[in-house]
C-alpha atoms as a PDB file:
ATOM      1  CA  MET A   1      51.134  50.846  60.796  1.00  0.00           C
ATOM      2  CA  LEU A   2      52.289  53.469  64.037  1.00  0.00           C
ATOM      3  CA  GLY A   3      54.687  55.577  63.695  1.00  0.00           C
ATOM      4  CA  TRP A   4      54.014  55.797  59.011  1.00  0.00           C
ATOM      5  CA  ARG A   5      53.035  59.720  58.108  1.00  0.00           C
ATOM      6  CA  PRO A   6      52.677  60.373  54.421  1.00  0.00           C
ATOM      7  CA  LEU A   7      53.662  63.372  53.758  1.00  0.00           C
ATOM      8  CA  ALA A   8      51.279  65.966  51.809  1.00  0.00           C
ATOM      9  CA  THR A   9      51.485  67.487  48.495  1.00  0.00           C
ATOM     10  CA  ARG A  10      53.694  70.054  47.652  1.00  0.00           C
ATOM     11  CA  PRO A  11      51.348  72.730  46.168  1.00  0.00           C
ATOM     12  CA  ASP A  12      51.294  74.101  42.611  1.00  0.00           C
ATOM     13  CA  THR A  13      53.292  77.233  41.761  1.00  0.00           C
ATOM     14  CA  ASP A  14      54.664  79.256  39.142  1.00  0.00           C
ATOM     15  CA  SER A  15      58.018  80.852  40.724  1.00  0.00           C
ATOM     16  CA  MET A  16      61.202  79.402  40.920  1.00  0.00           C
ATOM     17  CA  PRO A  17      62.900  81.056  43.789  1.00  0.00           C
ATOM     18  CA  PHE A  18      66.044  78.695  43.973  1.00  0.00           C
ATOM     19  CA  GLN A  19      68.566  79.277  41.710  1.00  0.00           C
ATOM     20  CA  LEU A  20      70.462  75.764  40.839  1.00  0.00           C
ATOM     21  CA  LEU A  21      74.551  75.779  40.928  1.00  0.00           C
ATOM     22  CA  ASP A  22      76.739  74.312  38.867  1.00  0.00           C
ATOM     23  CA  PRO A  23      77.849  70.726  40.298  1.00  0.00           C
ATOM     24  CA  ALA A  24      81.315  72.014  39.375  1.00  0.00           C
ATOM     25  CA  SER A  25      81.479  75.086  41.005  1.00  0.00           C
ATOM     26  CA  ARG A  26      81.720  72.787  44.188  1.00  0.00           C
ATOM     27  CA  SER A  27      84.752  72.756  46.660  1.00  0.00           C
ATOM     28  CA  GLY A  28      86.399  69.341  46.888  1.00  0.00           C
ATOM     29  CA  ASP A  29      86.013  69.990  51.383  1.00  0.00           C
ATOM     30  CA  PRO A  30      82.587  70.236  52.348  1.00  0.00           C
ATOM     31  CA  LEU A  31      82.916  73.333  54.805  1.00  0.00           C
ATOM     32  CA  ASP A  32      84.006  75.501  51.803  1.00  0.00           C
ATOM     33  CA  ALA A  33      80.744  75.073  49.643  1.00  0.00           C
ATOM     34  CA  GLU A  34      78.555  75.218  52.798  1.00  0.00           C
ATOM     35  CA  GLU A  35      80.519  78.976  53.286  1.00  0.00           C
ATOM     36  CA  ALA A  36      80.084  79.958  49.973  1.00  0.00           C
ATOM     37  CA  LEU A  37      76.117  79.185  50.033  1.00  0.00           C
ATOM     38  CA  LEU A  38      75.919  80.651  53.251  1.00  0.00           C
ATOM     39  CA  ALA A  39      77.461  83.657  51.994  1.00  0.00           C
ATOM     40  CA  ARG A  40      74.907  83.405  48.677  1.00  0.00           C
ATOM     41  CA  ALA A  41      71.549  83.746  51.483  1.00  0.00           C
ATOM     42  CA  ALA A  42      73.677  86.583  53.594  1.00  0.00           C
ATOM     43  CA  ALA A  43      73.329  88.529  50.074  1.00  0.00           C
ATOM     44  CA  GLY A  44      69.226  87.388  49.807  1.00  0.00           C
ATOM     45  CA  ASP A  45      69.862  84.552  47.339  1.00  0.00           C
ATOM     46  CA  ALA A  46      68.118  81.082  47.728  1.00  0.00           C
ATOM     47  CA  VAL A  47      70.382  78.986  45.210  1.00  0.00           C
ATOM     48  CA  ALA A  48      69.830  74.670  45.716  1.00  0.00           C
ATOM     49  CA  HIS A  49      73.098  72.655  44.543  1.00  0.00           C
ATOM     50  CA  VAL A  50      72.761  68.497  43.674  1.00  0.00           C
ATOM     51  CA  TRP A  51      76.119  66.994  43.827  1.00  0.00           C
ATOM     52  CA  GLU A  52      78.236  64.183  44.619  1.00  0.00           C
ATOM     53  CA  ALA A  53      81.446  63.066  46.767  1.00  0.00           C
ATOM     54  CA  PRO A  54      84.015  60.800  46.466  1.00  0.00           C
ATOM     55  CA  ALA A  55      84.520  58.483  49.083  1.00  0.00           C
ATOM     56  CA  SER A  56      84.556  60.371  52.344  1.00  0.00           C
ATOM     57  CA  LEU A  57      83.020  60.944  55.705  1.00  0.00           C
ATOM     58  CA  VAL A  58      81.250  64.061  56.946  1.00  0.00           C
ATOM     59  CA  VAL A  59      81.442  64.691  60.726  1.00  0.00           C
ATOM     60  CA  PRO A  60      80.049  67.670  62.797  1.00  0.00           C
ATOM     61  CA  ARG A  61      82.470  69.853  64.672  1.00  0.00           C
ATOM     62  CA  SER A  62      80.874  68.509  67.628  1.00  0.00           C
ATOM     63  CA  TYR A  63      83.289  65.621  66.813  1.00  0.00           C
ATOM     64  CA  GLN A  64      86.622  67.200  68.088  1.00  0.00           C
ATOM     65  CA  ARG A  65      85.753  66.050  71.643  1.00  0.00           C
ATOM     66  CA  TYR A  66      86.626  63.269  71.017  1.00  0.00           C
ATOM     67  CA  ALA A  67      91.203  63.128  71.412  1.00  0.00           C
ATOM     68  CA  PRO A  68      91.948  60.766  68.532  1.00  0.00           C
ATOM     69  CA  LEU A  69      90.000  62.695  66.180  1.00  0.00           C
ATOM     70  CA  ALA A  70      93.102  63.774  64.961  1.00  0.00           C
ATOM     71  CA  ASP A  71      94.685  60.586  64.264  1.00  0.00           C
ATOM     72  CA  ALA A  72      91.585  58.833  63.046  1.00  0.00           C
ATOM     73  CA  ARG A  73      90.997  61.404  59.974  1.00  0.00           C
ATOM     74  CA  ASP A  74      95.054  61.119  59.324  1.00  0.00           C
ATOM     75  CA  ALA A  75      94.423  57.245  59.763  1.00  0.00           C
ATOM     76  CA  PHE A  76      91.067  57.537  56.825  1.00  0.00           C
ATOM     77  CA  ALA A  77      92.868  59.327  54.416  1.00  0.00           C
ATOM     78  CA  ARG A  78      95.441  57.456  54.107  1.00  0.00           C
ATOM     79  CA  ARG A  79      93.070  54.859  53.029  1.00  0.00           C
ATOM     80  CA  GLY A  80      91.999  56.975  49.822  1.00  0.00           C
ATOM     81  CA  CYS A  81      89.174  58.257  52.486  1.00  0.00           C
ATOM     82  CA  PRO A  82      88.987  61.807  53.873  1.00  0.00           C
ATOM     83  CA  VAL A  83      87.115  62.307  56.722  1.00  0.00           C
ATOM     84  CA  TRP A  84      85.806  66.242  56.344  1.00  0.00           C
ATOM     85  CA  LEU A  85      84.322  68.822  59.146  1.00  0.00           C
ATOM     86  CA  ARG A  86      80.515  70.324  58.980  1.00  0.00           C
ATOM     87  CA  LEU A  87      78.828  73.247  60.087  1.00  0.00           C
ATOM     88  CA  SER A  88      75.678  71.351  61.329  1.00  0.00           C
ATOM     89  CA  GLY A  89      74.937  69.282  64.260  1.00  0.00           C
ATOM     90  CA  GLY A  90      74.232  65.652  64.254  1.00  0.00           C
ATOM     91  CA  GLY A  91      76.509  62.681  63.958  1.00  0.00           C
ATOM     92  CA  LEU A  92      78.694  60.804  61.454  1.00  0.00           C
ATOM     93  CA  VAL A  93      77.615  60.175  57.695  1.00  0.00           C
ATOM     94  CA  PRO A  94      79.092  58.541  54.712  1.00  0.00           C
ATOM     95  CA  GLN A  95      79.747  59.940  50.822  1.00  0.00           C
ATOM     96  CA  GLY A  96      80.676  58.623  48.073  1.00  0.00           C
ATOM     97  CA  PRO A  97      79.675  56.860  44.647  1.00  0.00           C
ATOM     98  CA  GLY A  98      75.893  55.943  44.724  1.00  0.00           C
ATOM     99  CA  ILE A  99      74.978  59.116  46.968  1.00  0.00           C
ATOM    100  CA  LEU A 100      73.526  62.398  45.916  1.00  0.00           C
ATOM    101  CA  ASN A 101      72.795  65.348  48.414  1.00  0.00           C
ATOM    102  CA  LEU A 102      70.777  68.503  48.004  1.00  0.00           C
ATOM    103  CA  SER A 103      71.684  71.293  49.303  1.00  0.00           C
ATOM    104  CA  LEU A 104      69.393  74.431  49.691  1.00  0.00           C
ATOM    105  CA  ALA A 105      70.703  77.751  51.548  1.00  0.00           C
ATOM    106  CA  TYR A 106      68.463  80.728  51.841  1.00  0.00           C
ATOM    107  CA  PRO A 107      67.589  84.003  53.546  1.00  0.00           C
ATOM    108  CA  VAL A 108      64.716  83.501  56.901  1.00  0.00           C
ATOM    109  CA  ARG A 109      63.509  86.306  59.162  1.00  0.00           C
ATOM    110  CA  ALA A 110      62.369  84.983  62.428  1.00  0.00           C
ATOM    111  CA  PRO A 111      63.222  84.187  65.313  1.00  0.00           C
ATOM    112  CA  MET A 112      66.463  81.849  65.960  1.00  0.00           C
ATOM    113  CA  GLY A 113      65.396  78.189  65.010  1.00  0.00           C
ATOM    114  CA  THR A 114      61.540  78.877  65.155  1.00  0.00           C
ATOM    115  CA  LEU A 115      61.005  78.082  61.582  1.00  0.00           C
ATOM    116  CA  SER A 116      63.108  75.041  62.115  1.00  0.00           C
ATOM    117  CA  GLU A 117      60.775  72.097  61.795  1.00  0.00           C
ATOM    118  CA  THR A 118      59.247  74.050  58.725  1.00  0.00           C
ATOM    119  CA  VAL A 119      63.039  73.657  57.109  1.00  0.00           C
ATOM    120  CA  TYR A 120      63.040  70.051  57.586  1.00  0.00           C
ATOM    121  CA  VAL A 121      59.697  69.533  56.084  1.00  0.00           C
ATOM    122  CA  HIS A 122      60.000  72.060  53.106  1.00  0.00           C
ATOM    123  CA  LEU A 123      63.198  69.630  52.192  1.00  0.00           C
ATOM    124  CA  CYS A 124      61.585  66.751  52.883  1.00  0.00           C
ATOM    125  CA  ARG A 125      58.664  67.074  50.458  1.00  0.00           C
ATOM    126  CA  ILE A 126      61.406  68.148  47.824  1.00  0.00           C
ATOM    127  CA  LEU A 127      62.841  64.465  48.244  1.00  0.00           C
ATOM    128  CA  ALA A 128      59.525  62.937  49.329  1.00  0.00           C
ATOM    129  CA  ASP A 129      58.238  64.235  45.797  1.00  0.00           C
ATOM    130  CA  ALA A 130      61.352  63.484  43.296  1.00  0.00           C
ATOM    131  CA  LEU A 131      60.922  59.742  45.186  1.00  0.00           C
ATOM    132  CA  ASN A 132      57.285  59.276  44.505  1.00  0.00           C
ATOM    133  CA  SER A 133      57.854  60.243  40.794  1.00  0.00           C
ATOM    134  CA  LEU A 134      59.947  56.992  40.722  1.00  0.00           C
ATOM    135  CA  GLY A 135      58.409  55.082  42.606  1.00  0.00           C
ATOM    136  CA  VAL A 136      59.286  55.419  45.964  1.00  0.00           C
ATOM    137  CA  LEU A 137      56.862  56.614  48.385  1.00  0.00           C
ATOM    138  CA  THR A 138      58.144  57.603  51.758  1.00  0.00           C
ATOM    139  CA  HIS A 139      57.631  59.909  55.005  1.00  0.00           C
ATOM    140  CA  TRP A 140      59.583  61.095  57.441  1.00  0.00           C
ATOM    141  CA  GLN A 141      60.923  59.657  60.664  1.00  0.00           C
ATOM    142  CA  ALA A 142      63.599  58.316  63.080  1.00  0.00           C
ATOM    143  CA  VAL A 143      64.952  55.174  62.785  1.00  0.00           C
ATOM    144  CA  GLU A 144      66.785  53.749  65.380  1.00  0.00           C
ATOM    145  CA  GLY A 145      70.237  52.024  64.327  1.00  0.00           C
ATOM    146  CA  SER A 146      70.653  54.512  61.314  1.00  0.00           C
ATOM    147  CA  PHE A 147      73.057  56.475  60.910  1.00  0.00           C
ATOM    148  CA  CYS A 148      73.125  60.145  61.879  1.00  0.00           C
ATOM    149  CA  ASP A 149      69.626  59.288  63.119  1.00  0.00           C
ATOM    150  CA  GLY A 150      66.961  62.280  63.832  1.00  0.00           C
ATOM    151  CA  ARG A 151      63.316  62.646  64.031  1.00  0.00           C
ATOM    152  CA  PHE A 152      63.423  64.349  59.937  1.00  0.00           C
ATOM    153  CA  ASN A 153      65.059  61.391  58.214  1.00  0.00           C
ATOM    154  CA  LEU A 154      63.034  60.337  55.036  1.00  0.00           C
ATOM    155  CA  ALA A 155      62.603  56.646  55.838  1.00  0.00           C
ATOM    156  CA  TRP A 156      60.737  53.758  53.336  1.00  0.00           C
ATOM    157  CA  GLY A 157      58.453  51.166  54.967  1.00  0.00           C
ATOM    158  CA  PRO A 158      55.882  51.133  57.869  1.00  0.00           C
ATOM    159  CA  GLY A 159      56.844  51.901  61.369  1.00  0.00           C
ATOM    160  CA  ASP A 160      59.634  50.256  63.405  1.00  0.00           C
ATOM    161  CA  ASP A 161      60.177  48.524  60.034  1.00  0.00           C
ATOM    162  CA  ALA A 162      61.005  51.659  58.291  1.00  0.00           C
ATOM    163  CA  ARG A 163      64.963  51.885  57.007  1.00  0.00           C
ATOM    164  CA  LYS A 164      66.097  55.393  56.202  1.00  0.00           C
ATOM    165  CA  ILE A 165      66.835  56.549  53.001  1.00  0.00           C
ATOM    166  CA  ALA A 166      67.621  59.652  53.631  1.00  0.00           C
ATOM    167  CA  GLY A 167      69.094  61.980  56.502  1.00  0.00           C
ATOM    168  CA  THR A 168      68.804  65.889  56.631  1.00  0.00           C
ATOM    169  CA  ALA A 169      70.298  68.353  58.294  1.00  0.00           C
ATOM    170  CA  GLN A 170      69.958  72.013  58.884  1.00  0.00           C
ATOM    171  CA  TYR A 171      72.424  75.633  60.409  1.00  0.00           C
ATOM    172  CA  TRP A 172      71.490  79.540  61.110  1.00  0.00           C
ATOM    173  CA  ARG A 173      73.699  81.814  60.592  1.00  0.00           C
ATOM    174  CA  ARG A 174      72.550  85.691  62.304  1.00  0.00           C
ATOM    175  CA  VAL A 175      73.174  88.271  59.144  1.00  0.00           C
ATOM    176  CA  PRO A 176      74.025  91.663  60.446  1.00  0.00           C
ATOM    177  CA  ASP A 177      71.603  94.356  58.381  1.00  0.00           C
ATOM    178  CA  GLY A 178      71.110  97.146  61.340  1.00  0.00           C
ATOM    179  CA  ASP A 179      66.921  96.685  60.673  1.00  0.00           C
ATOM    180  CA  LYS A 180      65.929  96.713  64.710  1.00  0.00           C
ATOM    181  CA  ASP A 181      62.309  96.894  63.619  1.00  0.00           C
ATOM    182  CA  GLN A 182      62.399  93.373  61.642  1.00  0.00           C
ATOM    183  CA  PRO A 183      62.338  89.826  62.860  1.00  0.00           C
ATOM    184  CA  PRO A 184      66.760  89.025  63.075  1.00  0.00           C
ATOM    185  CA  LEU A 185      67.611  87.721  59.392  1.00  0.00           C
ATOM    186  CA  TYR A 186      70.192  84.443  58.976  1.00  0.00           C
ATOM    187  CA  ALA A 187      71.159  82.714  56.251  1.00  0.00           C
ATOM    188  CA  VAL A 188      70.066  78.852  57.165  1.00  0.00           C
ATOM    189  CA  LEU A 189      71.339  75.967  54.967  1.00  0.00           C
ATOM    190  CA  ALA A 190      69.742  72.627  54.423  1.00  0.00           C
ATOM    191  CA  HIS A 191      70.881  69.839  53.547  1.00  0.00           C
ATOM    192  CA  ALA A 192      70.044  65.904  52.505  1.00  0.00           C
ATOM    193  CA  VAL A 193      71.907  62.925  51.931  1.00  0.00           C
ATOM    194  CA  LEU A 194      70.441  60.556  49.751  1.00  0.00           C
ATOM    195  CA  LEU A 195      71.444  56.669  49.352  1.00  0.00           C
ATOM    196  CA  VAL A 196      71.192  55.689  45.391  1.00  0.00           C
ATOM    197  CA  ASP A 197      72.765  52.573  45.083  1.00  0.00           C
ATOM    198  CA  ALA A 198      75.386  52.651  47.604  1.00  0.00           C
ATOM    199  CA  ASP A 199      76.530  49.121  49.306  1.00  0.00           C
ATOM    200  CA  PRO A 200      74.658  49.551  52.603  1.00  0.00           C
ATOM    201  CA  ILE A 201      77.168  47.539  53.987  1.00  0.00           C
ATOM    202  CA  GLU A 202      80.243  49.446  52.341  1.00  0.00           C
ATOM    203  CA  ILE A 203      79.432  52.740  53.777  1.00  0.00           C
ATOM    204  CA  ASN A 204      78.381  51.204  57.650  1.00  0.00           C
ATOM    205  CA  GLU A 205      81.460  49.435  57.803  1.00  0.00           C
ATOM    206  CA  ARG A 206      83.537  52.218  56.774  1.00  0.00           C
ATOM    207  CA  ALA A 207      81.188  54.365  59.170  1.00  0.00           C
ATOM    208  CA  ASN A 208      82.086  52.066  62.096  1.00  0.00           C
ATOM    209  CA  ALA A 209      85.388  51.412  61.127  1.00  0.00           C
ATOM    210  CA  PHE A 210      85.549  55.267  62.427  1.00  0.00           C
ATOM    211  CA  GLU A 211      83.687  55.804  65.119  1.00  0.00           C
ATOM    212  CA  ALA A 212      85.408  53.052  66.743  1.00  0.00           C
ATOM    213  CA  MET A 213      89.158  54.205  66.067  1.00  0.00           C
ATOM    214  CA  ILE A 214      88.196  57.236  67.831  1.00  0.00           C
ATOM    215  CA  GLY A 215      86.199  55.905  70.531  1.00  0.00           C
ATOM    216  CA  SER A 216      82.035  57.128  69.997  1.00  0.00           C
ATOM    217  CA  GLY A 217      81.043  54.329  71.807  1.00  0.00           C
ATOM    218  CA  ARG A 218      78.467  54.448  68.172  1.00  0.00           C
ATOM    219  CA  ARG A 219      77.589  51.134  65.721  1.00  0.00           C
ATOM    220  CA  TYR A 220      75.058  51.559  63.011  1.00  0.00           C
ATOM    221  CA  GLU A 221      73.158  48.818  61.353  1.00  0.00           C
ATOM    222  CA  GLU A 222      72.578  47.901  57.641  1.00  0.00           C
ATOM    223  CA  MET A 223      69.667  47.033  57.549  1.00  0.00           C
ATOM    224  CA  ARG A 224      68.189  50.049  58.924  1.00  0.00           C
ATOM    225  CA  VAL A 225      69.202  51.928  55.918  1.00  0.00           C
ATOM    226  CA  VAL A 226      67.547  51.114  52.281  1.00  0.00           C
ATOM    227  CA  THR A 227      68.719  52.822  49.039  1.00  0.00           C
ATOM    228  CA  VAL A 228      66.576  53.792  46.221  1.00  0.00           C
ATOM    229  CA  ALA A 229      67.589  50.774  44.193  1.00  0.00           C
ATOM    230  CA  GLN A 230      66.883  48.835  47.154  1.00  0.00           C
ATOM    231  CA  ALA A 231      63.560  50.009  47.652  1.00  0.00           C
ATOM    232  CA  LEU A 232      62.565  50.036  43.873  1.00  0.00           C
ATOM    233  CA  ALA A 233      63.631  46.014  43.914  1.00  0.00           C
ATOM    234  CA  TYR A 234      61.706  45.213  46.862  1.00  0.00           C
ATOM    235  CA  GLU A 235      58.710  46.978  45.259  1.00  0.00           C
ATOM    236  CA  CYS A 236      59.498  44.421  42.007  1.00  0.00           C
ATOM    237  CA  PHE A 237      60.268  47.857  40.063  1.00  0.00           C
ATOM    238  CA  SER A 238      63.061  47.207  37.330  1.00  0.00           C
ATOM    239  CA  ILE A 239      66.012  49.352  38.388  1.00  0.00           C
ATOM    240  CA  PRO A 240      67.638  51.507  35.247  1.00  0.00           C
ATOM    241  CA  ALA A 241      70.898  50.949  34.034  1.00  0.00           C
ATOM    242  CA  ASP A 242      70.747  54.988  34.719  1.00  0.00           C
ATOM    243  CA  LEU A 243      69.207  55.311  38.078  1.00  0.00           C
ATOM    244  CA  ARG A 244      71.593  58.287  39.800  1.00  0.00           C
ATOM    245  CA  GLU A 245      70.784  60.559  36.441  1.00  0.00           C
ATOM    246  CA  ARG A 246      67.088  59.531  37.418  1.00  0.00           C
ATOM    247  CA  VAL A 247      67.605  60.624  40.920  1.00  0.00           C
ATOM    248  CA  ARG A 248      69.258  63.828  39.845  1.00  0.00           C
ATOM    249  CA  ALA A 249      66.962  65.286  37.784  1.00  0.00           C
ATOM    250  CA  ALA A 250      64.134  64.284  39.502  1.00  0.00           C
ATOM    251  CA  LEU A 251      65.624  66.124  42.220  1.00  0.00           C
ATOM    252  CA  ILE A 252      66.166  69.458  40.141  1.00  0.00           C
ATOM    253  CA  GLU A 253      62.428  69.520  38.617  1.00  0.00           C
ATOM    254  CA  ARG A 254      61.888  69.832  42.323  1.00  0.00           C
ATOM    255  CA  VAL A 255      63.227  72.365  42.884  1.00  0.00           C
ATOM    256  CA  LYS A 256      62.640  74.084  40.182  1.00  0.00           C
ATOM    257  CA  ASP A 257      58.872  73.948  41.018  1.00  0.00           C
ATOM    258  CA  ALA A 258      59.637  74.460  44.781  1.00  0.00           C
ATOM    259  CA  PRO A 259      58.642  77.716  46.423  1.00  0.00           C
ATOM    260  CA  LEU A 260      60.320  79.198  49.678  1.00  0.00           C
ATOM    261  CA  PRO A 261      59.411  77.968  52.711  1.00  0.00           C
ATOM    262  CA  GLU A 262      56.500  80.045  54.585  1.00  0.00           C
ATOM    263  CA  GLN A 263      57.320  82.526  56.599  1.00  0.00           C
END
């Protein structure tokens, strides 16, 4: 099973450094929500947000290089699918019913990017522990053909047969603090998009239609992603009617128990 790397067990801890935010406080525009989280981190807080979005697409600001972007955004908005810009890099990400988001924001003292892998592994462990409690075993790896592919996708299944179940991203912003005797201070935003019971065919068709409209040349495959519901079915587990709420509760429980990443 080349490429299969199980995640290490989360250490036990009595600390609860993350303050959970009310999902109702989230702005409709993900960029506004990201700015609010970064502001909390810049002020020294560690905050966590578990939230859902209506049917939409989110793309990095690098997509502004495509000349048809504005017209494509207008066309999708008229269809009831707004296309938002975000701070972090990567690629297009679908949002909508059946998709849960986990956002973590906290201050870090370290040179820019030196803890990027630590930030990703910390986030992946929270997700993996939550899914493991529901009977879904995952690990991290790239999954070619999935949307917004990256080395720290959370994946289900072995090696080349693995499918993406969650995507991750991070963004660092320098916080001026005037202390030249310490490493630089950053506000870090770590974000995950988890496919719970969304329709893989629909989200990939929606993503592919937008990529085609802007002429990016990207195309995604629905067989390269998997939902929590599908993974449970493949493992012959019954799928509870309240699956989304169970996944949400598992994420919240793991966030409450999670320490901050080691610095």
